[in-house]
Amino acid sequence: MKLDEFPAEILWKLLLACPLELRLVNRNFYHLHNELYREKSLQIVDAIDEEERFWNELKNPIIAYIKSLDFLRKDARLVYRTSKGAQEFIDDSWFIIYNALSYPLKCWNNPALCERDSLDLQKPIYMGKCVVPVDYHDGIISTKTGRNIPLNAWFYIDKPVAASKLPGFVTEVRQSQYGVYKKRSTQGNIADFIKEKGVYCFNLGYLPDIFLDTHGQNINGHYLCPLEIRLMEVGMAPPTYFENAEITFLGYDFNSYGDDKPWILFKCDPGFEASIFNPFESYLTESLAKFTGAFPFSHIDWPSQTDNVGREPIKPYFDPNQKAMRKFLYRFPRTQQDRGKEWTAADWRAPHLIE
């Protein structure tokens, strides 16, 4: 008996055991993989959508995000299209949707919203919202990866002397509108390692522990935990970030880098400044945070290209033909980067996908 001739129940169990490997076997498994993550995604939606608002509020941001990835996966997406009644960018992309609902998305600092001439000394360098998806079972909170969520801050540094400001940049995170901010920052001597112009990613450790207010009810299930995250400049002297064009904050991500080797930072060539963040990913994460209702929102700024997000293709946010090589600085001096592995690895700017 051929593998794809097994009963459907057995095929589903096999897919649950090794979904990535089996989806590449043939077209049938490719479709089954999509159906598997359709079921998983809809289970999450059912868990978080008590008022049946999800698709009304989030359908357009999800479609825009999926469409923004067509330069990477359009051919694969078209394989999933099965009927004329299917919703394009939804029914052909359940694995991507599942990941968007299972792991924090990137937070982009939109340069169009940054006023470098601000005179408000109390103004955050950045303030945004995101969600951390978690599972709650019998009083235990866990993420889909089973690990703490990393927190990384991205900067473009035009002149190394500007790196002296980095220790004064403090990331503050809170889980509710009136909650206490918990702080994260780079190590105090971080400027000593910045020797040249470039795009830098700094390891800030992990997000603070997530808590859930279940109102005394032990309700197991999936939750989207909202976070407000902001970047402040602190110190004895007045803040000068908005007067200094030599250093620019690009955004946050929550990915694990470094092959489990403890790392401090990594650097990319300056030409990759505009290719780290997908604006439509950040628009979706803000929309998910708004959906939770935990923080007030007046409006969410669409990425500029969404003015015409209908049938027109969305411009790729990075060029897959230009390899963005990273140069790591590890916490332990004897740790060396495998440059050959870096060269052959999948492009880390693509969405972070988990099973």
Protein backbone atom coordinates (compact mmCIF):
# COMPACT_ATOMS: atom_id res chain seq x y z
CA MET A 1 0.00 0.00 0.00
CA LYS A 2 1.32 3.42 -0.94
CA LEU A 3 1.68 6.05 1.74
CA ASP A 4 -1.13 8.25 0.46
CA GLU A 5 -3.47 5.24 0.23
CA PHE A 6 -3.70 4.91 4.00
CA PRO A 7 -7.03 5.81 5.64
CA ALA A 8 -7.52 9.53 6.26
CA GLU A 9 -7.34 9.07 10.05
CA ILE A 10 -3.87 7.54 9.80
CA LEU A 11 -2.67 10.23 7.38
CA TRP A 12 -3.79 12.92 9.81
CA LYS A 13 -1.85 11.27 12.65
CA LEU A 14 1.24 11.01 10.46
CA LEU A 15 0.95 14.68 9.56
CA LEU A 16 0.63 15.65 13.20
CA ALA A 17 3.85 13.74 13.92
CA CYS A 18 5.95 15.26 11.12
CA PRO A 19 4.01 17.90 9.16
CA LEU A 20 6.93 19.65 7.48
CA GLU A 21 8.49 16.46 6.14
CA LEU A 22 5.28 14.90 4.82
CA ARG A 23 3.85 18.00 3.16
CA LEU A 24 6.68 17.79 0.60
CA VAL A 25 5.92 14.18 -0.40
CA ASN A 26 3.23 14.99 -2.95
CA ARG A 27 0.33 17.32 -3.77
CA ASN A 28 -2.11 15.30 -1.66
CA PHE A 29 -0.04 15.73 1.48
CA TYR A 30 0.44 19.39 0.60
CA HIS A 31 -3.33 19.87 0.72
CA LEU A 32 -3.68 17.77 3.87
CA HIS A 33 -1.06 19.93 5.55
CA ASN A 34 -3.09 23.04 4.73
CA GLU A 35 -6.26 21.38 6.05
CA LEU A 36 -4.47 20.34 9.24
CA TYR A 37 -3.52 23.94 9.98
CA ARG A 38 -6.97 25.14 9.00
CA GLU A 39 -8.35 23.02 11.84
CA LYS A 40 -5.66 24.25 14.23
CA SER A 41 -6.22 27.89 13.26
CA LEU A 42 -9.98 27.69 13.63
CA GLN A 43 -9.56 26.08 17.05
CA ILE A 44 -7.53 29.12 18.10
CA VAL A 45 -10.08 31.53 16.63
CA ASP A 46 -12.90 29.75 18.47
CA ALA A 47 -10.95 30.04 21.72
CA ILE A 48 -10.22 33.77 21.46
CA ASP A 49 -13.37 34.97 19.68
CA GLU A 50 -16.23 34.78 22.16
CA GLU A 51 -18.09 37.67 20.50
CA GLU A 52 -17.53 36.48 16.91
CA ARG A 53 -15.62 39.63 15.94
CA PHE A 54 -12.46 37.99 14.65
CA TRP A 55 -13.05 37.82 10.91
CA ASN A 56 -14.88 41.14 10.72
CA GLU A 57 -11.97 42.97 12.35
CA LEU A 58 -8.96 40.97 11.22
CA LYS A 59 -9.75 39.54 7.81
CA ASN A 60 -8.30 42.51 5.87
CA PRO A 61 -5.06 42.76 7.91
CA ILE A 62 -4.56 38.99 7.54
CA ILE A 63 -5.13 39.11 3.78
CA ALA A 64 -2.74 42.06 3.40
CA TYR A 65 -0.07 40.20 5.39
CA ILE A 66 -0.47 36.98 3.39
CA LYS A 67 -0.38 38.92 0.14
CA SER A 68 2.81 40.71 1.20
CA LEU A 69 4.53 37.29 1.28
CA ASP A 70 3.67 36.34 -2.30
CA PHE A 71 7.17 37.16 -3.47
CA LEU A 72 8.30 34.23 -1.28
CA ARG A 73 5.48 31.72 -1.56
CA LYS A 74 3.00 32.55 -4.33
CA ASP A 75 3.63 29.28 -6.19
CA ALA A 76 3.12 27.28 -3.00
CA ARG A 77 -0.01 29.26 -2.17
CA LEU A 78 -1.53 28.58 -5.57
CA VAL A 79 -1.09 24.82 -5.06
CA TYR A 80 -3.52 25.05 -2.14
CA ARG A 81 -6.32 26.62 -4.18
CA THR A 82 -8.98 23.95 -4.50
CA SER A 83 -12.29 25.54 -5.47
CA LYS A 84 -13.82 28.72 -6.85
CA GLY A 85 -15.56 29.34 -3.55
CA ALA A 86 -12.30 29.44 -1.58
CA GLN A 87 -11.23 32.77 -0.08
CA GLU A 88 -7.90 33.73 -1.67
CA PHE A 89 -5.15 34.58 0.84
CA ILE A 90 -7.13 32.78 3.58
CA ASP A 91 -8.02 29.25 2.47
CA ASP A 92 -4.67 28.84 0.71
CA SER A 93 -2.53 30.01 3.65
CA TRP A 94 -3.65 28.37 6.88
CA PHE A 95 -0.12 27.47 7.98
CA ILE A 96 0.89 31.14 7.84
CA ILE A 97 -2.29 32.20 9.65
CA TYR A 98 -1.67 29.58 12.34
CA ASN A 99 1.81 30.98 12.92
CA ALA A 100 0.51 34.55 13.11
CA LEU A 101 -1.83 33.38 15.89
CA SER A 102 0.79 31.28 17.67
CA TYR A 103 3.91 33.44 17.96
CA PRO A 104 4.57 37.19 18.39
CA LEU A 105 4.94 39.14 15.16
CA LYS A 106 7.54 41.85 14.59
CA CYS A 107 7.02 45.46 15.69
CA TRP A 108 8.23 47.95 13.08
CA ASN A 109 9.07 51.57 13.87
CA ASN A 110 7.40 53.24 10.90
CA PRO A 111 9.72 56.08 9.80
CA ALA A 112 6.74 57.99 8.40
CA LEU A 113 5.46 58.39 11.97
CA CYS A 114 8.78 59.42 13.52
CA GLU A 115 9.23 63.14 14.10
CA ARG A 116 12.96 63.58 14.49
CA ASP A 117 12.47 67.25 15.45
CA SER A 118 10.25 66.51 18.46
CA LEU A 119 10.74 68.86 21.42
CA ASP A 120 8.74 66.66 23.81
CA LEU A 121 11.38 65.35 26.21
CA GLN A 122 8.98 62.74 27.59
CA LYS A 123 8.02 61.35 24.20
CA PRO A 124 8.95 57.68 23.70
CA ILE A 125 11.28 56.90 20.83
CA TYR A 126 8.81 54.17 19.96
CA MET A 127 5.51 52.92 21.34
CA GLY A 128 3.58 50.00 19.90
CA LYS A 129 1.35 47.09 20.76
CA CYS A 130 1.67 43.38 20.07
CA VAL A 131 0.29 40.09 21.35
CA VAL A 132 1.97 37.03 22.83
CA PRO A 133 -0.08 33.89 22.10
CA VAL A 134 -0.06 31.44 25.01
CA ASP A 135 -1.76 28.23 26.09
CA TYR A 136 -3.23 27.95 29.57
CA HIS A 137 -3.72 24.51 31.12
CA ASP A 138 -4.40 23.82 34.79
CA GLY A 139 -2.78 27.03 35.96
CA ILE A 140 0.30 26.70 33.76
CA ILE A 141 1.01 29.26 31.03
CA SER A 142 3.16 28.13 28.10
CA THR A 143 4.04 29.27 24.60
CA LYS A 144 3.78 27.11 21.49
CA THR A 145 7.57 26.67 21.49
CA GLY A 146 7.64 25.75 25.17
CA ARG A 147 10.26 28.44 25.75
CA ASN A 148 10.49 32.01 26.94
CA ILE A 149 10.05 34.62 24.20
CA PRO A 150 13.28 36.39 23.15
CA LEU A 151 13.30 40.18 22.82
CA ASN A 152 15.59 41.82 20.26
CA ALA A 153 15.99 45.50 19.39
CA TRP A 154 17.12 46.70 15.96
CA PHE A 155 19.08 49.88 15.23
CA TYR A 156 20.69 51.47 12.23
CA ILE A 157 23.95 53.08 13.36
CA ASP A 158 25.43 55.54 10.90
CA LYS A 159 28.48 56.46 12.97
CA PRO A 160 30.02 54.24 15.68
CA VAL A 161 30.30 57.19 18.09
CA ALA A 162 26.49 57.27 18.23
CA ALA A 163 26.52 53.83 19.88
CA SER A 164 27.47 55.55 23.14
CA LYS A 165 23.76 56.36 23.50
CA LEU A 166 22.68 52.71 23.50
CA PRO A 167 22.94 52.10 27.28
CA GLY A 168 20.52 54.98 27.79
CA PHE A 169 17.84 53.38 25.62
CA VAL A 170 15.51 51.36 27.84
CA THR A 171 12.78 49.06 26.57
CA GLU A 172 9.68 49.04 28.75
CA VAL A 173 6.96 46.40 28.55
CA ARG A 174 3.60 46.16 30.27
CA GLN A 175 0.60 43.92 29.87
CA SER A 176 -2.25 46.30 30.69
CA GLN A 177 -3.05 49.98 30.34
CA TYR A 178 -2.41 50.66 34.02
CA GLY A 179 0.22 47.99 34.60
CA VAL A 180 3.77 48.58 35.77
CA TYR A 181 6.43 48.71 33.08
CA LYS A 182 9.13 46.07 33.23
CA LYS A 183 12.45 47.12 31.77
CA ARG A 184 15.02 45.58 29.47
CA SER A 185 18.22 47.11 28.07
CA THR A 186 21.58 46.31 26.50
CA GLN A 187 24.64 45.71 28.65
CA GLY A 188 26.44 48.84 29.82
CA ASN A 189 29.57 48.45 27.69
CA ILE A 190 27.75 47.63 24.46
CA ALA A 191 29.23 50.64 22.64
CA ASP A 192 32.71 49.08 22.92
CA PHE A 193 31.68 46.45 20.36
CA ILE A 194 30.36 48.86 17.70
CA LYS A 195 33.22 49.57 15.33
CA GLU A 196 31.52 50.35 12.03
CA LYS A 197 28.40 51.58 10.33
CA GLY A 198 25.65 49.00 9.95
CA VAL A 199 22.34 47.46 10.95
CA TYR A 200 22.56 45.96 14.44
CA CYS A 201 20.33 43.56 16.34
CA PHE A 202 20.79 43.57 20.13
CA ASN A 203 19.79 40.71 22.41
CA LEU A 204 17.73 42.14 25.29
CA GLY A 205 17.06 38.79 26.92
CA TYR A 206 13.46 37.65 27.22
CA LEU A 207 10.04 39.22 27.51
CA PRO A 208 8.72 39.43 31.09
CA ASP A 209 6.64 36.52 32.31
CA ILE A 210 3.08 36.56 31.04
CA PHE A 211 0.19 36.57 33.50
CA LEU A 212 -3.48 35.86 32.85
CA ASP A 213 -6.43 37.29 34.75
CA THR A 214 -8.93 34.44 34.55
CA HIS A 215 -11.25 36.11 37.10
CA GLY A 216 -10.94 33.13 39.39
CA GLN A 217 -11.97 30.65 36.71
CA ASN A 218 -9.55 27.93 35.67
CA ILE A 219 -10.43 28.08 31.96
CA ASN A 220 -7.99 26.11 29.84
CA GLY A 221 -7.37 27.25 26.29
CA HIS A 222 -5.51 29.57 23.94
CA TYR A 223 -5.14 33.28 24.69
CA LEU A 224 -3.72 36.35 22.97
CA CYS A 225 -1.93 38.29 25.70
CA PRO A 226 -1.54 41.95 24.71
CA LEU A 227 1.65 43.87 25.39
CA GLU A 228 2.53 47.53 25.15
CA ILE A 229 6.18 47.97 24.31
CA ARG A 230 8.04 51.26 24.18
CA LEU A 231 11.57 52.57 23.90
CA MET A 232 12.62 55.42 26.18
CA GLU A 233 15.81 57.42 26.49
CA VAL A 234 16.84 57.83 30.12
CA GLY A 235 19.79 59.45 31.84
CA MET A 236 20.99 62.51 33.71
CA ALA A 237 21.05 64.68 30.58
CA PRO A 238 17.97 65.61 28.51
CA PRO A 239 17.10 63.10 25.75
CA THR A 240 18.69 63.83 22.38
CA TYR A 241 17.56 60.91 20.19
CA PHE A 242 15.24 63.06 18.09
CA GLU A 243 18.05 65.53 17.45
CA ASN A 244 20.56 62.87 16.42
CA ALA A 245 20.26 61.32 12.96
CA GLU A 246 23.32 59.11 13.49
CA ILE A 247 21.31 56.36 15.19
CA THR A 248 17.83 55.14 14.24
CA PHE A 249 15.61 52.64 16.02
CA LEU A 250 14.12 50.18 13.51
CA GLY A 251 11.89 47.95 15.64
CA TYR A 252 11.60 44.81 17.76
CA ASP A 253 11.40 41.15 16.94
CA PHE A 254 10.95 38.06 19.07
CA ASN A 255 12.95 35.47 17.16
CA SER A 256 15.59 33.13 18.49
CA TYR A 257 18.91 33.62 16.74
CA GLY A 258 22.39 32.22 17.21
CA ASP A 259 21.76 28.44 17.12
CA ASP A 260 21.27 28.39 20.90
CA LYS A 261 24.70 29.94 21.39
CA PRO A 262 24.46 32.88 23.83
CA TRP A 263 24.95 36.03 21.80
CA ILE A 264 25.15 39.76 22.46
CA LEU A 265 24.50 41.25 19.03
CA PHE A 266 24.84 40.68 15.33
CA LYS A 267 25.51 43.08 12.49
CA CYS A 268 24.38 43.32 8.85
CA ASP A 269 25.56 45.60 6.09
CA PRO A 270 23.94 49.06 6.15
CA GLY A 271 22.23 48.43 2.82
CA PHE A 272 19.75 46.09 4.55
CA GLU A 273 18.25 48.80 6.77
CA ALA A 274 14.90 48.83 4.95
CA SER A 275 14.61 45.06 4.48
CA ILE A 276 14.35 43.78 8.06
CA PHE A 277 10.68 44.49 8.77
CA ASN A 278 7.53 43.74 6.80
CA PRO A 279 5.14 46.69 7.37
CA PHE A 280 2.13 44.42 6.83
CA GLU A 281 3.31 42.06 9.56
CA SER A 282 3.48 44.93 12.03
CA TYR A 283 0.08 46.17 10.90
CA LEU A 284 -1.34 42.73 11.68
CA THR A 285 0.25 42.59 15.13
CA GLU A 286 -1.20 46.02 16.01
CA SER A 287 -4.59 44.84 14.73
CA LEU A 288 -4.40 41.70 16.89
CA ALA A 289 -3.58 43.85 19.92
CA LYS A 290 -6.53 46.12 19.15
CA PHE A 291 -8.77 43.06 18.88
CA THR A 292 -8.00 42.11 22.51
CA GLY A 293 -9.40 45.45 23.72
CA ALA A 294 -6.72 45.76 26.41
CA PHE A 295 -5.39 49.12 25.24
CA PRO A 296 -7.11 52.18 23.75
CA PHE A 297 -6.64 52.69 20.01
CA SER A 298 -7.70 55.77 18.09
CA HIS A 299 -6.68 54.23 14.77
CA ILE A 300 -3.95 52.09 13.25
CA ASP A 301 -1.88 53.49 10.42
CA TRP A 302 -1.91 51.24 7.37
CA PRO A 303 1.36 50.73 5.52
CA SER A 304 1.48 53.13 2.58
CA GLN A 305 0.93 50.41 -0.03
CA THR A 306 -2.41 49.34 1.41
CA ASP A 307 -4.10 52.25 -0.29
CA ASN A 308 -4.23 49.92 -3.29
CA VAL A 309 -4.05 46.44 -1.79
CA GLY A 310 -6.71 44.92 -4.06
CA ARG A 311 -5.41 43.12 -7.12
CA GLU A 312 -2.09 44.92 -7.34
CA PRO A 313 0.97 43.00 -6.08
CA ILE A 314 2.69 44.29 -2.97
CA LYS A 315 6.29 45.33 -3.31
CA PRO A 316 8.63 42.79 -1.62
CA TYR A 317 10.11 44.07 1.61
CA PHE A 318 13.40 42.31 0.86
CA ASP A 319 15.22 40.85 -2.13
CA PRO A 320 15.70 37.07 -1.72
CA ASN A 321 18.60 37.24 -4.18
CA GLN A 322 20.60 39.47 -1.84
CA LYS A 323 21.90 37.42 1.05
CA ALA A 324 21.80 39.32 4.34
CA MET A 325 24.82 37.84 6.10
CA ARG A 326 24.98 38.26 9.86
CA LYS A 327 28.14 38.71 11.87
CA PHE A 328 27.55 37.55 15.45
CA LEU A 329 29.24 38.66 18.62
CA TYR A 330 28.81 35.88 21.17
CA ARG A 331 28.78 36.15 24.93
CA PHE A 332 31.69 33.74 25.29
CA PRO A 333 34.82 34.77 23.33
CA ARG A 334 35.71 31.19 22.36
CA THR A 335 32.40 30.71 20.57
CA GLN A 336 32.87 31.05 16.82
CA GLN A 337 30.28 31.57 14.12
CA ASP A 338 29.95 28.93 11.41
CA ARG A 339 30.14 31.16 8.33
CA GLY A 340 29.45 28.28 5.97
CA LYS A 341 26.24 27.47 7.80
CA GLU A 342 25.28 31.14 7.76
CA TRP A 343 25.71 31.26 4.00
CA THR A 344 23.53 28.18 3.36
CA ALA A 345 20.84 28.92 5.97
CA ALA A 346 17.33 29.98 4.97
CA ASP A 347 16.78 33.73 4.85
CA TRP A 348 16.09 34.84 8.41
CA ARG A 349 14.11 37.88 7.21
CA ALA A 350 11.25 35.61 6.12
CA PRO A 351 8.47 34.92 8.67
CA HIS A 352 9.40 32.93 11.75
CA LEU A 353 7.47 29.66 11.42
CA ILE A 354 6.80 27.06 14.10
CA GLU A 355 4.85 23.79 14.10
